[in-house]
Amino acid sequence: MVPRLALVTGGSGYLGSVLVRRLLGRGYRVRVLDLRDADDRPAGVEFVRGDIRAGAEVARACEGADVVHHGVAQVPLAKDSRLFRSVNVDGTRTLLACARRAGVRKTVLVSSSAVYGAPERNPVTEATPARPGEAYGAAKLEGERVAADFVQRGMDVTIVRPRTILGHGRLGLFQVLFEWTRRGRPLWVLGRGDNRYQFVHADDLADACILAGERAGPASYNIGAERFGTMREALETLARHAGTGSRVRSLPVGIAVRLMALSGRLGLSPLGPYHALMYGREMYFDVTAAREDLGWRSTASNEEMLCESYDWYLAHHEEVLARRDASPHRSAVRHGVLDLLGYLP
């Protein structure tokens, strides 16, 4: 029997590259659609260079695919509402139209916890009202609504919403945290840092996507770690693990949030509106639906994945700083004024 073909859009990005390897391990043939080709693309994985908004390129990538894992997205680091809409909404519409014409059996749309904004209560379930608090979350929610329209037309589309993704090789804003840790600088929380905050390991998320792709019928699943605590607890564990002298310090919530938003808006830091909105807030998912429907379980706690991610960064530090033309979550970021925090008492 010929193995099933899985298309991964955004397969050169951080989650996409993890998903590619997990699919290979499960016996799939894999094809990647992306604007850039990754240096570490496994042998035998097809590559189609294309823009998710270009119908002809997307149609070529969808040909013969049994399942599509749609992970292409403009992430909050972009801080560009027009790109959020053109990629996360229009690109999703183009992908789903092409997948429908190609007779793709199943599409899995990787969305975001940002669709919920700052929830009024926790845990967040699939029934919690979606109320995004900034442009990125609003675009991801609109992408979900596009998917719902295609479901009404008979397509089988499942939505997977992850919490903040961590794991070996995860960089982006985490590179700032890991560099502070490496240098023994303070690690900052807002207020007491007692907000419960949930991450998800990229391997666990990829497994949830694969299981969702193998289950018939449209659905939505919230995915996050099952073992997690407060932001302060996570960072204190990282500081002890690193042993570099870093200590967890507190910033006043109101002032810090305003400065985060202002520095990001002025281009003085990599922070976007979503980071300012959520870093000091509590948010965690109830993952019962994924456990019961998919047989999925998480494997890593917040602390375990944070320490693992830091260890990877430490081992690949020079490589990371020299890397060029990688996706945002596989690259270092320009720290800007955030570096000044390292000099506060």
C-alpha atoms as a PDB file:
ATOM      1  CA  MET A   1       0.000   0.000   0.000  1.00  0.00           C
ATOM      2  CA  VAL A   2       1.356   3.452  -0.947  1.00  0.00           C
ATOM      3  CA  PRO A   3       1.765   5.644   2.171  1.00  0.00           C
ATOM      4  CA  ARG A   4      -0.589   8.586   2.475  1.00  0.00           C
ATOM      5  CA  LEU A   5       0.703  11.966   1.341  1.00  0.00           C
ATOM      6  CA  ALA A   6       0.563  14.807   3.887  1.00  0.00           C
ATOM      7  CA  LEU A   7       1.069  18.406   2.802  1.00  0.00           C
ATOM      8  CA  VAL A   8       2.462  20.735   5.464  1.00  0.00           C
ATOM      9  CA  THR A   9       2.062  24.407   4.635  1.00  0.00           C
ATOM     10  CA  GLY A  10       4.734  26.400   6.430  1.00  0.00           C
ATOM     11  CA  GLY A  11       6.761  23.200   6.731  1.00  0.00           C
ATOM     12  CA  SER A  12      10.048  25.114   6.925  1.00  0.00           C
ATOM     13  CA  GLY A  13       8.939  26.988  10.049  1.00  0.00           C
ATOM     14  CA  TYR A  14       9.336  25.863  13.628  1.00  0.00           C
ATOM     15  CA  LEU A  15       6.146  23.872  14.186  1.00  0.00           C
ATOM     16  CA  GLY A  16       6.079  22.839  10.519  1.00  0.00           C
ATOM     17  CA  SER A  17       9.533  21.276  10.712  1.00  0.00           C
ATOM     18  CA  VAL A  18       8.559  19.326  13.838  1.00  0.00           C
ATOM     19  CA  LEU A  19       5.334  18.193  12.200  1.00  0.00           C
ATOM     20  CA  VAL A  20       7.209  17.019   9.101  1.00  0.00           C
ATOM     21  CA  ARG A  21       9.397  14.731  11.194  1.00  0.00           C
ATOM     22  CA  ARG A  22       6.516  13.371  13.262  1.00  0.00           C
ATOM     23  CA  LEU A  23       4.565  12.587  10.084  1.00  0.00           C
ATOM     24  CA  LEU A  24       7.560  10.755   8.611  1.00  0.00           C
ATOM     25  CA  GLY A  25       7.815   8.754  11.814  1.00  0.00           C
ATOM     26  CA  ARG A  26       4.178   7.766  11.429  1.00  0.00           C
ATOM     27  CA  GLY A  27       4.749   6.456   7.897  1.00  0.00           C
ATOM     28  CA  TYR A  28       3.466   9.351   5.791  1.00  0.00           C
ATOM     29  CA  ARG A  29       5.000  10.698   2.624  1.00  0.00           C
ATOM     30  CA  VAL A  30       5.426  14.415   3.170  1.00  0.00           C
ATOM     31  CA  ARG A  31       5.390  17.514   0.990  1.00  0.00           C
ATOM     32  CA  VAL A  32       6.183  21.038   2.188  1.00  0.00           C
ATOM     33  CA  LEU A  33       4.790  24.308   0.822  1.00  0.00           C
ATOM     34  CA  ASP A  34       6.768  27.341   1.941  1.00  0.00           C
ATOM     35  CA  LEU A  35       8.435  30.491   0.662  1.00  0.00           C
ATOM     36  CA  ARG A  36      11.805  29.279   1.962  1.00  0.00           C
ATOM     37  CA  ASP A  37      13.414  25.870   2.027  1.00  0.00           C
ATOM     38  CA  ALA A  38      14.886  24.759   5.350  1.00  0.00           C
ATOM     39  CA  ASP A  39      18.486  23.571   5.510  1.00  0.00           C
ATOM     40  CA  ASP A  40      17.393  20.618   7.623  1.00  0.00           C
ATOM     41  CA  ARG A  41      14.532  19.385   5.430  1.00  0.00           C
ATOM     42  CA  PRO A  42      14.701  15.580   5.670  1.00  0.00           C
ATOM     43  CA  ALA A  43      15.692  13.573   2.609  1.00  0.00           C
ATOM     44  CA  GLY A  44      12.699  12.412   0.614  1.00  0.00           C
ATOM     45  CA  VAL A  45      10.434  15.265   1.693  1.00  0.00           C
ATOM     46  CA  GLU A  46       9.133  17.121  -1.358  1.00  0.00           C
ATOM     47  CA  PHE A  47       9.396  20.897  -1.454  1.00  0.00           C
ATOM     48  CA  VAL A  48       7.122  23.293  -3.330  1.00  0.00           C
ATOM     49  CA  ARG A  49       8.188  26.912  -3.170  1.00  0.00           C
ATOM     50  CA  GLY A  50       5.133  29.115  -3.094  1.00  0.00           C
ATOM     51  CA  ASP A  51       3.121  31.855  -1.422  1.00  0.00           C
ATOM     52  CA  ILE A  52      -0.001  30.676   0.401  1.00  0.00           C
ATOM     53  CA  ARG A  53      -1.917  33.473  -1.351  1.00  0.00           C
ATOM     54  CA  ALA A  54      -0.888  32.322  -4.869  1.00  0.00           C
ATOM     55  CA  GLY A  55      -3.585  29.983  -6.118  1.00  0.00           C
ATOM     56  CA  ALA A  56      -1.560  28.207  -8.822  1.00  0.00           C
ATOM     57  CA  GLU A  57       1.311  27.423  -6.439  1.00  0.00           C
ATOM     58  CA  VAL A  58      -1.018  26.227  -3.699  1.00  0.00           C
ATOM     59  CA  ALA A  59      -3.004  24.091  -6.157  1.00  0.00           C
ATOM     60  CA  ARG A  60       0.204  22.396  -7.310  1.00  0.00           C
ATOM     61  CA  ALA A  61       1.136  21.628  -3.712  1.00  0.00           C
ATOM     62  CA  CYS A  62      -2.310  20.139  -2.953  1.00  0.00           C
ATOM     63  CA  GLU A  63      -2.280  17.685  -5.865  1.00  0.00           C
ATOM     64  CA  GLY A  64      -2.525  14.118  -4.614  1.00  0.00           C
ATOM     65  CA  ALA A  65      -2.527  15.043  -0.915  1.00  0.00           C
ATOM     66  CA  ASP A  66      -4.653  12.960   1.450  1.00  0.00           C
ATOM     67  CA  VAL A  67      -4.355  15.389   4.349  1.00  0.00           C
ATOM     68  CA  VAL A  68      -3.223  19.012   4.613  1.00  0.00           C
ATOM     69  CA  HIS A  69      -1.773  20.486   7.797  1.00  0.00           C
ATOM     70  CA  HIS A  70      -2.118  24.237   7.335  1.00  0.00           C
ATOM     71  CA  GLY A  71       0.462  25.974   9.484  1.00  0.00           C
ATOM     72  CA  VAL A  72       1.423  29.019   7.389  1.00  0.00           C
ATOM     73  CA  ALA A  73       0.831  32.177   9.414  1.00  0.00           C
ATOM     74  CA  GLN A  74       2.055  35.676  10.001  1.00  0.00           C
ATOM     75  CA  VAL A  75       2.912  35.552  13.702  1.00  0.00           C
ATOM     76  CA  PRO A  76       2.591  38.378  16.284  1.00  0.00           C
ATOM     77  CA  LEU A  77       6.253  39.347  15.790  1.00  0.00           C
ATOM     78  CA  ALA A  78       5.248  40.725  12.368  1.00  0.00           C
ATOM     79  CA  LYS A  79       3.128  43.483  13.964  1.00  0.00           C
ATOM     80  CA  ASP A  80       1.475  44.126  10.576  1.00  0.00           C
ATOM     81  CA  SER A  81      -2.334  43.993  10.492  1.00  0.00           C
ATOM     82  CA  ARG A  82      -2.436  43.950   6.684  1.00  0.00           C
ATOM     83  CA  LEU A  83      -0.162  40.916   6.560  1.00  0.00           C
ATOM     84  CA  PHE A  84      -2.159  39.242   9.325  1.00  0.00           C
ATOM     85  CA  ARG A  85      -5.228  39.509   7.145  1.00  0.00           C
ATOM     86  CA  SER A  86      -3.709  38.680   3.761  1.00  0.00           C
ATOM     87  CA  VAL A  87      -1.824  35.610   5.025  1.00  0.00           C
ATOM     88  CA  ASN A  88      -3.952  34.322   7.899  1.00  0.00           C
ATOM     89  CA  VAL A  89      -7.336  34.998   6.290  1.00  0.00           C
ATOM     90  CA  ASP A  90      -6.920  35.279   2.509  1.00  0.00           C
ATOM     91  CA  GLY A  91      -4.193  32.632   2.481  1.00  0.00           C
ATOM     92  CA  THR A  92      -6.407  30.235   4.420  1.00  0.00           C
ATOM     93  CA  ARG A  93      -9.235  30.820   1.954  1.00  0.00           C
ATOM     94  CA  THR A  94      -6.907  30.104  -0.983  1.00  0.00           C
ATOM     95  CA  LEU A  95      -5.583  26.935   0.656  1.00  0.00           C
ATOM     96  CA  LEU A  96      -9.027  25.563   1.464  1.00  0.00           C
ATOM     97  CA  ALA A  97     -10.348  26.300  -2.039  1.00  0.00           C
ATOM     98  CA  CYS A  98      -7.398  24.488  -3.604  1.00  0.00           C
ATOM     99  CA  ALA A  99      -7.678  21.557  -1.188  1.00  0.00           C
ATOM    100  CA  ARG A 100     -11.367  21.228  -1.974  1.00  0.00           C
ATOM    101  CA  ARG A 101     -10.744  21.157  -5.733  1.00  0.00           C
ATOM    102  CA  ALA A 102      -7.939  18.635  -5.260  1.00  0.00           C
ATOM    103  CA  GLY A 103     -10.215  16.275  -3.320  1.00  0.00           C
ATOM    104  CA  VAL A 104      -8.157  16.409  -0.124  1.00  0.00           C
ATOM    105  CA  ARG A 105      -9.759  14.118   2.459  1.00  0.00           C
ATOM    106  CA  LYS A 106      -8.932  16.175   5.547  1.00  0.00           C
ATOM    107  CA  THR A 107      -7.522  19.598   6.399  1.00  0.00           C
ATOM    108  CA  VAL A 108      -6.166  20.569   9.811  1.00  0.00           C
ATOM    109  CA  LEU A 109      -5.986  24.314  10.430  1.00  0.00           C
ATOM    110  CA  VAL A 110      -3.474  25.365  13.090  1.00  0.00           C
ATOM    111  CA  SER A 111      -5.076  28.414  14.689  1.00  0.00           C
ATOM    112  CA  SER A 112      -4.111  30.178  17.930  1.00  0.00           C
ATOM    113  CA  SER A 113      -5.166  30.696  21.525  1.00  0.00           C
ATOM    114  CA  ALA A 114      -5.093  34.405  20.622  1.00  0.00           C
ATOM    115  CA  VAL A 115      -8.641  34.039  19.276  1.00  0.00           C
ATOM    116  CA  TYR A 116      -9.815  34.031  22.913  1.00  0.00           C
ATOM    117  CA  GLY A 117      -8.042  37.261  23.815  1.00  0.00           C
ATOM    118  CA  ALA A 118      -7.802  37.695  27.587  1.00  0.00           C
ATOM    119  CA  PRO A 119     -10.504  35.267  28.782  1.00  0.00           C
ATOM    120  CA  GLU A 120     -12.865  36.231  31.568  1.00  0.00           C
ATOM    121  CA  ARG A 121     -12.385  32.860  33.272  1.00  0.00           C
ATOM    122  CA  ASN A 122     -10.205  29.779  33.102  1.00  0.00           C
ATOM    123  CA  PRO A 123      -9.865  27.055  32.045  1.00  0.00           C
ATOM    124  CA  VAL A 124     -10.740  27.935  28.465  1.00  0.00           C
ATOM    125  CA  THR A 125     -12.748  25.299  26.603  1.00  0.00           C
ATOM    126  CA  GLU A 126     -13.835  24.965  22.995  1.00  0.00           C
ATOM    127  CA  ALA A 127     -17.144  26.538  24.085  1.00  0.00           C
ATOM    128  CA  THR A 128     -15.496  29.689  25.492  1.00  0.00           C
ATOM    129  CA  PRO A 129     -16.502  32.745  23.400  1.00  0.00           C
ATOM    130  CA  ALA A 130     -13.755  33.926  21.045  1.00  0.00           C
ATOM    131  CA  ARG A 131     -12.980  37.580  21.799  1.00  0.00           C
ATOM    132  CA  PRO A 132      -9.565  38.499  20.385  1.00  0.00           C
ATOM    133  CA  GLY A 133      -7.945  41.575  21.883  1.00  0.00           C
ATOM    134  CA  GLU A 134      -5.648  42.602  19.004  1.00  0.00           C
ATOM    135  CA  ALA A 135      -5.179  42.321  15.224  1.00  0.00           C
ATOM    136  CA  TYR A 136      -3.330  38.997  15.139  1.00  0.00           C
ATOM    137  CA  GLY A 137      -5.999  37.186  17.137  1.00  0.00           C
ATOM    138  CA  ALA A 138      -8.751  38.821  15.098  1.00  0.00           C
ATOM    139  CA  ALA A 139      -7.165  37.573  11.849  1.00  0.00           C
ATOM    140  CA  LYS A 140      -6.763  34.039  13.216  1.00  0.00           C
ATOM    141  CA  LEU A 141     -10.423  34.044  14.249  1.00  0.00           C
ATOM    142  CA  GLU A 142     -11.439  35.251  10.793  1.00  0.00           C
ATOM    143  CA  GLY A 143      -9.397  32.378   9.343  1.00  0.00           C
ATOM    144  CA  GLU A 144     -11.417  29.988  11.512  1.00  0.00           C
ATOM    145  CA  ARG A 145     -14.622  31.504  10.151  1.00  0.00           C
ATOM    146  CA  VAL A 146     -13.368  30.936   6.614  1.00  0.00           C
ATOM    147  CA  ALA A 147     -12.835  27.292   7.560  1.00  0.00           C
ATOM    148  CA  ALA A 148     -16.368  27.100   8.968  1.00  0.00           C
ATOM    149  CA  ASP A 149     -17.732  28.329   5.622  1.00  0.00           C
ATOM    150  CA  PHE A 150     -15.920  25.505   3.838  1.00  0.00           C
ATOM    151  CA  VAL A 151     -17.240  22.984   6.354  1.00  0.00           C
ATOM    152  CA  GLN A 152     -20.747  24.170   5.468  1.00  0.00           C
ATOM    153  CA  ARG A 153     -19.880  23.355   1.846  1.00  0.00           C
ATOM    154  CA  GLY A 154     -18.977  19.797   2.772  1.00  0.00           C
ATOM    155  CA  MET A 155     -15.250  19.952   3.566  1.00  0.00           C
ATOM    156  CA  ASP A 156     -13.740  18.089   6.501  1.00  0.00           C
ATOM    157  CA  VAL A 157     -11.724  20.712   8.396  1.00  0.00           C
ATOM    158  CA  THR A 158     -10.561  20.479  12.000  1.00  0.00           C
ATOM    159  CA  ILE A 159      -9.163  23.443  13.943  1.00  0.00           C
ATOM    160  CA  VAL A 160      -6.326  22.989  16.434  1.00  0.00           C
ATOM    161  CA  ARG A 161      -5.601  25.888  18.817  1.00  0.00           C
ATOM    162  CA  PRO A 162      -2.293  25.646  20.679  1.00  0.00           C
ATOM    163  CA  ARG A 163      -1.097  27.491  23.726  1.00  0.00           C
ATOM    164  CA  THR A 164       2.365  29.088  23.510  1.00  0.00           C
ATOM    165  CA  ILE A 165       4.679  26.615  21.776  1.00  0.00           C
ATOM    166  CA  LEU A 166       8.015  25.495  23.223  1.00  0.00           C
ATOM    167  CA  GLY A 167      10.539  22.727  22.559  1.00  0.00           C
ATOM    168  CA  HIS A 168      14.001  22.078  21.172  1.00  0.00           C
ATOM    169  CA  GLY A 169      14.846  24.793  18.647  1.00  0.00           C
ATOM    170  CA  ARG A 170      12.053  27.214  19.579  1.00  0.00           C
ATOM    171  CA  LEU A 171      13.397  30.763  19.440  1.00  0.00           C
ATOM    172  CA  GLY A 172      11.677  34.041  18.545  1.00  0.00           C
ATOM    173  CA  LEU A 173      10.994  35.958  21.765  1.00  0.00           C
ATOM    174  CA  PHE A 174      12.191  32.994  23.813  1.00  0.00           C
ATOM    175  CA  GLN A 175      15.677  33.704  22.490  1.00  0.00           C
ATOM    176  CA  VAL A 176      15.601  36.925  24.550  1.00  0.00           C
ATOM    177  CA  LEU A 177      14.703  34.963  27.688  1.00  0.00           C
ATOM    178  CA  PHE A 178      17.340  32.297  27.017  1.00  0.00           C
ATOM    179  CA  GLU A 179      20.041  34.895  26.344  1.00  0.00           C
ATOM    180  CA  TRP A 180      19.216  36.682  29.604  1.00  0.00           C
ATOM    181  CA  THR A 181      19.458  33.321  31.360  1.00  0.00           C
ATOM    182  CA  ARG A 182      22.752  32.451  29.681  1.00  0.00           C
ATOM    183  CA  ARG A 183      24.254  35.759  30.835  1.00  0.00           C
ATOM    184  CA  GLY A 184      22.880  35.481  34.383  1.00  0.00           C
ATOM    185  CA  ARG A 185      20.594  38.476  34.002  1.00  0.00           C
ATOM    186  CA  PRO A 186      17.251  38.954  35.802  1.00  0.00           C
ATOM    187  CA  LEU A 187      14.196  37.118  34.489  1.00  0.00           C
ATOM    188  CA  TRP A 188      11.145  39.346  34.679  1.00  0.00           C
ATOM    189  CA  VAL A 189       7.550  38.665  35.670  1.00  0.00           C
ATOM    190  CA  LEU A 190       4.722  41.170  35.940  1.00  0.00           C
ATOM    191  CA  GLY A 191       3.545  41.773  39.470  1.00  0.00           C
ATOM    192  CA  ARG A 192       3.995  38.662  41.607  1.00  0.00           C
ATOM    193  CA  GLY A 193       4.071  36.416  38.545  1.00  0.00           C
ATOM    194  CA  ASP A 194       1.358  34.236  40.067  1.00  0.00           C
ATOM    195  CA  ASN A 195      -0.620  34.035  36.824  1.00  0.00           C
ATOM    196  CA  ARG A 196      -1.054  30.416  35.758  1.00  0.00           C
ATOM    197  CA  TYR A 197       0.238  30.216  32.210  1.00  0.00           C
ATOM    198  CA  GLN A 198       0.268  27.160  29.979  1.00  0.00           C
ATOM    199  CA  PHE A 199       2.737  26.192  27.255  1.00  0.00           C
ATOM    200  CA  VAL A 200       2.663  23.242  24.875  1.00  0.00           C
ATOM    201  CA  HIS A 201       5.580  21.169  23.601  1.00  0.00           C
ATOM    202  CA  ALA A 202       5.921  21.224  19.813  1.00  0.00           C
ATOM    203  CA  ASP A 203       6.121  17.406  19.722  1.00  0.00           C
ATOM    204  CA  ASP A 204       2.861  17.128  21.672  1.00  0.00           C
ATOM    205  CA  LEU A 205       1.178  19.692  19.430  1.00  0.00           C
ATOM    206  CA  ALA A 206       2.373  17.948  16.274  1.00  0.00           C
ATOM    207  CA  ASP A 207       0.992  14.658  17.572  1.00  0.00           C
ATOM    208  CA  ALA A 208      -2.372  16.321  18.252  1.00  0.00           C
ATOM    209  CA  CYS A 209      -2.423  17.663  14.677  1.00  0.00           C
ATOM    210  CA  ILE A 210      -1.656  14.234  13.236  1.00  0.00           C
ATOM    211  CA  LEU A 211      -4.348  12.554  15.338  1.00  0.00           C
ATOM    212  CA  ALA A 212      -6.836  15.260  14.297  1.00  0.00           C
ATOM    213  CA  GLY A 213      -5.894  14.623  10.651  1.00  0.00           C
ATOM    214  CA  GLU A 214      -6.684  10.929  11.060  1.00  0.00           C
ATOM    215  CA  ARG A 215     -10.083  11.489  12.641  1.00  0.00           C
ATOM    216  CA  ALA A 216     -13.048  11.896  10.301  1.00  0.00           C
ATOM    217  CA  GLY A 217     -15.385  14.813  10.813  1.00  0.00           C
ATOM    218  CA  PRO A 218     -14.875  18.534  11.504  1.00  0.00           C
ATOM    219  CA  ALA A 219     -14.072  19.552  15.063  1.00  0.00           C
ATOM    220  CA  SER A 220     -11.972  21.955  17.114  1.00  0.00           C
ATOM    221  CA  TYR A 221      -9.444  21.186  19.833  1.00  0.00           C
ATOM    222  CA  ASN A 222      -7.582  23.303  22.364  1.00  0.00           C
ATOM    223  CA  ILE A 223      -4.099  21.908  23.021  1.00  0.00           C
ATOM    224  CA  GLY A 224      -1.810  22.649  25.954  1.00  0.00           C
ATOM    225  CA  ALA A 225       0.342  21.044  28.629  1.00  0.00           C
ATOM    226  CA  GLU A 226      -1.477  19.114  31.329  1.00  0.00           C
ATOM    227  CA  ARG A 227       1.195  19.904  33.938  1.00  0.00           C
ATOM    228  CA  PHE A 228       1.803  23.613  34.440  1.00  0.00           C
ATOM    229  CA  GLY A 229       1.879  26.288  37.096  1.00  0.00           C
ATOM    230  CA  THR A 230       2.551  29.992  37.397  1.00  0.00           C
ATOM    231  CA  MET A 231       4.869  32.117  35.310  1.00  0.00           C
ATOM    232  CA  ARG A 232       7.086  32.715  38.358  1.00  0.00           C
ATOM    233  CA  GLU A 233       7.366  28.981  39.067  1.00  0.00           C
ATOM    234  CA  ALA A 234       8.389  28.271  35.468  1.00  0.00           C
ATOM    235  CA  LEU A 235      11.087  30.963  35.403  1.00  0.00           C
ATOM    236  CA  GLU A 236      12.419  30.068  38.852  1.00  0.00           C
ATOM    237  CA  THR A 237      12.825  26.475  37.683  1.00  0.00           C
ATOM    238  CA  LEU A 238      14.680  27.669  34.586  1.00  0.00           C
ATOM    239  CA  ALA A 239      16.989  29.861  36.694  1.00  0.00           C
ATOM    240  CA  ARG A 240      17.830  26.961  39.037  1.00  0.00           C
ATOM    241  CA  HIS A 241      18.379  24.628  36.096  1.00  0.00           C
ATOM    242  CA  ALA A 242      20.707  27.048  34.293  1.00  0.00           C
ATOM    243  CA  GLY A 243      22.759  27.885  37.386  1.00  0.00           C
ATOM    244  CA  THR A 244      24.029  31.125  35.859  1.00  0.00           C
ATOM    245  CA  GLY A 245      22.949  33.419  38.666  1.00  0.00           C
ATOM    246  CA  SER A 246      19.715  34.613  37.064  1.00  0.00           C
ATOM    247  CA  ARG A 247      16.952  35.490  39.516  1.00  0.00           C
ATOM    248  CA  VAL A 248      13.275  36.153  38.961  1.00  0.00           C
ATOM    249  CA  ARG A 249      12.367  39.816  39.472  1.00  0.00           C
ATOM    250  CA  SER A 250       9.047  41.679  39.370  1.00  0.00           C
ATOM    251  CA  LEU A 251       7.930  44.701  37.387  1.00  0.00           C
ATOM    252  CA  PRO A 252       4.808  46.765  38.226  1.00  0.00           C
ATOM    253  CA  VAL A 253       2.006  45.450  36.041  1.00  0.00           C
ATOM    254  CA  GLY A 254       0.402  48.694  34.835  1.00  0.00           C
ATOM    255  CA  ILE A 255       3.598  50.519  33.937  1.00  0.00           C
ATOM    256  CA  ALA A 256       5.178  47.420  32.374  1.00  0.00           C
ATOM    257  CA  VAL A 257       2.189  46.690  30.138  1.00  0.00           C
ATOM    258  CA  ARG A 258       2.065  50.285  28.891  1.00  0.00           C
ATOM    259  CA  LEU A 259       5.807  50.309  28.173  1.00  0.00           C
ATOM    260  CA  MET A 260       5.616  46.914  26.424  1.00  0.00           C
ATOM    261  CA  ALA A 261       2.865  48.185  24.155  1.00  0.00           C
ATOM    262  CA  LEU A 262       4.597  51.512  23.456  1.00  0.00           C
ATOM    263  CA  SER A 263       8.051  50.035  22.734  1.00  0.00           C
ATOM    264  CA  GLY A 264       6.544  47.490  20.377  1.00  0.00           C
ATOM    265  CA  ARG A 265       4.476  50.100  18.564  1.00  0.00           C
ATOM    266  CA  LEU A 266       7.515  52.340  18.088  1.00  0.00           C
ATOM    267  CA  GLY A 267       9.653  49.464  16.833  1.00  0.00           C
ATOM    268  CA  LEU A 268      11.970  49.705  19.845  1.00  0.00           C
ATOM    269  CA  SER A 269      11.402  46.093  20.885  1.00  0.00           C
ATOM    270  CA  PRO A 270      10.167  42.861  19.243  1.00  0.00           C
ATOM    271  CA  LEU A 271       7.057  42.824  21.417  1.00  0.00           C
ATOM    272  CA  GLY A 272       3.654  42.960  19.753  1.00  0.00           C
ATOM    273  CA  PRO A 273       0.226  43.870  21.138  1.00  0.00           C
ATOM    274  CA  TYR A 274      -0.530  40.232  21.985  1.00  0.00           C
ATOM    275  CA  HIS A 275       2.567  39.967  24.190  1.00  0.00           C
ATOM    276  CA  ALA A 276       1.620  43.128  26.081  1.00  0.00           C
ATOM    277  CA  LEU A 277      -1.940  41.857  26.457  1.00  0.00           C
ATOM    278  CA  MET A 278      -1.171  38.370  27.752  1.00  0.00           C
ATOM    279  CA  TYR A 279       2.243  38.059  29.443  1.00  0.00           C
ATOM    280  CA  GLY A 280       0.980  39.054  32.866  1.00  0.00           C
ATOM    281  CA  ARG A 281      -2.428  37.413  32.551  1.00  0.00           C
ATOM    282  CA  GLU A 282      -3.680  33.961  33.415  1.00  0.00           C
ATOM    283  CA  MET A 283      -4.672  31.597  30.614  1.00  0.00           C
ATOM    284  CA  TYR A 284      -4.895  27.853  30.324  1.00  0.00           C
ATOM    285  CA  PHE A 285      -6.872  25.334  28.309  1.00  0.00           C
ATOM    286  CA  ASP A 286      -9.031  22.415  29.346  1.00  0.00           C
ATOM    287  CA  VAL A 287      -7.796  19.664  26.989  1.00  0.00           C
ATOM    288  CA  THR A 288     -10.532  17.115  27.765  1.00  0.00           C
ATOM    289  CA  ALA A 289     -11.907  17.112  24.216  1.00  0.00           C
ATOM    290  CA  ALA A 290      -8.526  16.211  22.690  1.00  0.00           C
ATOM    291  CA  ARG A 291      -7.997  13.478  25.286  1.00  0.00           C
ATOM    292  CA  GLU A 292     -11.418  11.937  24.748  1.00  0.00           C
ATOM    293  CA  ASP A 293     -11.811  12.310  20.961  1.00  0.00           C
ATOM    294  CA  LEU A 294      -8.225  11.828  19.814  1.00  0.00           C
ATOM    295  CA  GLY A 295      -6.697   9.751  22.587  1.00  0.00           C
ATOM    296  CA  TRP A 296      -4.095  12.499  22.910  1.00  0.00           C
ATOM    297  CA  ARG A 297      -2.036  13.180  26.022  1.00  0.00           C
ATOM    298  CA  SER A 298       0.669  15.736  26.644  1.00  0.00           C
ATOM    299  CA  THR A 299       4.102  14.495  27.707  1.00  0.00           C
ATOM    300  CA  ALA A 300       5.974  17.587  28.924  1.00  0.00           C
ATOM    301  CA  SER A 301       5.344  20.039  31.738  1.00  0.00           C
ATOM    302  CA  ASN A 302       5.945  23.778  31.436  1.00  0.00           C
ATOM    303  CA  GLU A 303       9.178  23.472  33.403  1.00  0.00           C
ATOM    304  CA  GLU A 304      10.479  20.470  31.465  1.00  0.00           C
ATOM    305  CA  MET A 305       9.963  22.033  28.059  1.00  0.00           C
ATOM    306  CA  LEU A 306      11.381  25.396  29.159  1.00  0.00           C
ATOM    307  CA  CYS A 307      14.585  23.775  30.454  1.00  0.00           C
ATOM    308  CA  GLU A 308      14.855  21.561  27.365  1.00  0.00           C
ATOM    309  CA  SER A 309      14.458  24.569  25.090  1.00  0.00           C
ATOM    310  CA  TYR A 310      17.115  26.487  27.034  1.00  0.00           C
ATOM    311  CA  ASP A 311      19.558  23.569  26.863  1.00  0.00           C
ATOM    312  CA  TRP A 312      19.110  23.396  23.093  1.00  0.00           C
ATOM    313  CA  TYR A 313      19.771  27.121  22.826  1.00  0.00           C
ATOM    314  CA  LEU A 314      22.893  26.833  24.927  1.00  0.00           C
ATOM    315  CA  ALA A 315      24.221  24.020  22.723  1.00  0.00           C
ATOM    316  CA  HIS A 316      23.412  25.898  19.481  1.00  0.00           C
ATOM    317  CA  HIS A 317      24.015  29.480  20.606  1.00  0.00           C
ATOM    318  CA  GLU A 318      26.619  30.420  18.004  1.00  0.00           C
ATOM    319  CA  GLU A 319      24.695  28.734  15.210  1.00  0.00           C
ATOM    320  CA  VAL A 320      21.526  30.621  16.169  1.00  0.00           C
ATOM    321  CA  LEU A 321      23.217  34.029  16.126  1.00  0.00           C
ATOM    322  CA  ALA A 322      24.755  33.309  12.706  1.00  0.00           C
ATOM    323  CA  ARG A 323      21.528  32.006  11.174  1.00  0.00           C
ATOM    324  CA  ARG A 324      19.986  33.988   8.326  1.00  0.00           C
ATOM    325  CA  ASP A 325      16.698  33.734   6.429  1.00  0.00           C
ATOM    326  CA  ALA A 326      15.007  31.305   8.814  1.00  0.00           C
ATOM    327  CA  SER A 327      11.403  31.616   9.972  1.00  0.00           C
ATOM    328  CA  PRO A 328      10.705  33.977  12.924  1.00  0.00           C
ATOM    329  CA  HIS A 329      10.353  31.198  15.501  1.00  0.00           C
ATOM    330  CA  ARG A 330      13.597  29.537  14.367  1.00  0.00           C
ATOM    331  CA  SER A 331      15.620  32.765  14.539  1.00  0.00           C
ATOM    332  CA  ALA A 332      17.098  35.151  17.067  1.00  0.00           C
ATOM    333  CA  VAL A 333      15.299  38.486  17.380  1.00  0.00           C
ATOM    334  CA  ARG A 334      16.587  42.015  17.796  1.00  0.00           C
ATOM    335  CA  HIS A 335      16.215  42.719  21.507  1.00  0.00           C
ATOM    336  CA  GLY A 336      16.010  46.503  21.255  1.00  0.00           C
ATOM    337  CA  VAL A 337      15.219  48.221  24.544  1.00  0.00           C
ATOM    338  CA  LEU A 338      14.554  44.859  26.202  1.00  0.00           C
ATOM    339  CA  ASP A 339      18.313  44.588  26.737  1.00  0.00           C
ATOM    340  CA  LEU A 340      18.055  47.487  29.181  1.00  0.00           C
ATOM    341  CA  LEU A 341      16.086  45.255  31.556  1.00  0.00           C
ATOM    342  CA  GLY A 342      19.230  43.231  32.098  1.00  0.00           C
ATOM    343  CA  TYR A 343      20.828  46.169  33.855  1.00  0.00           C
ATOM    344  CA  LEU A 344      18.012  46.922  36.300  1.00  0.00           C
ATOM    345  CA  PRO A 345      18.715  45.992  39.937  1.00  0.00           C
END
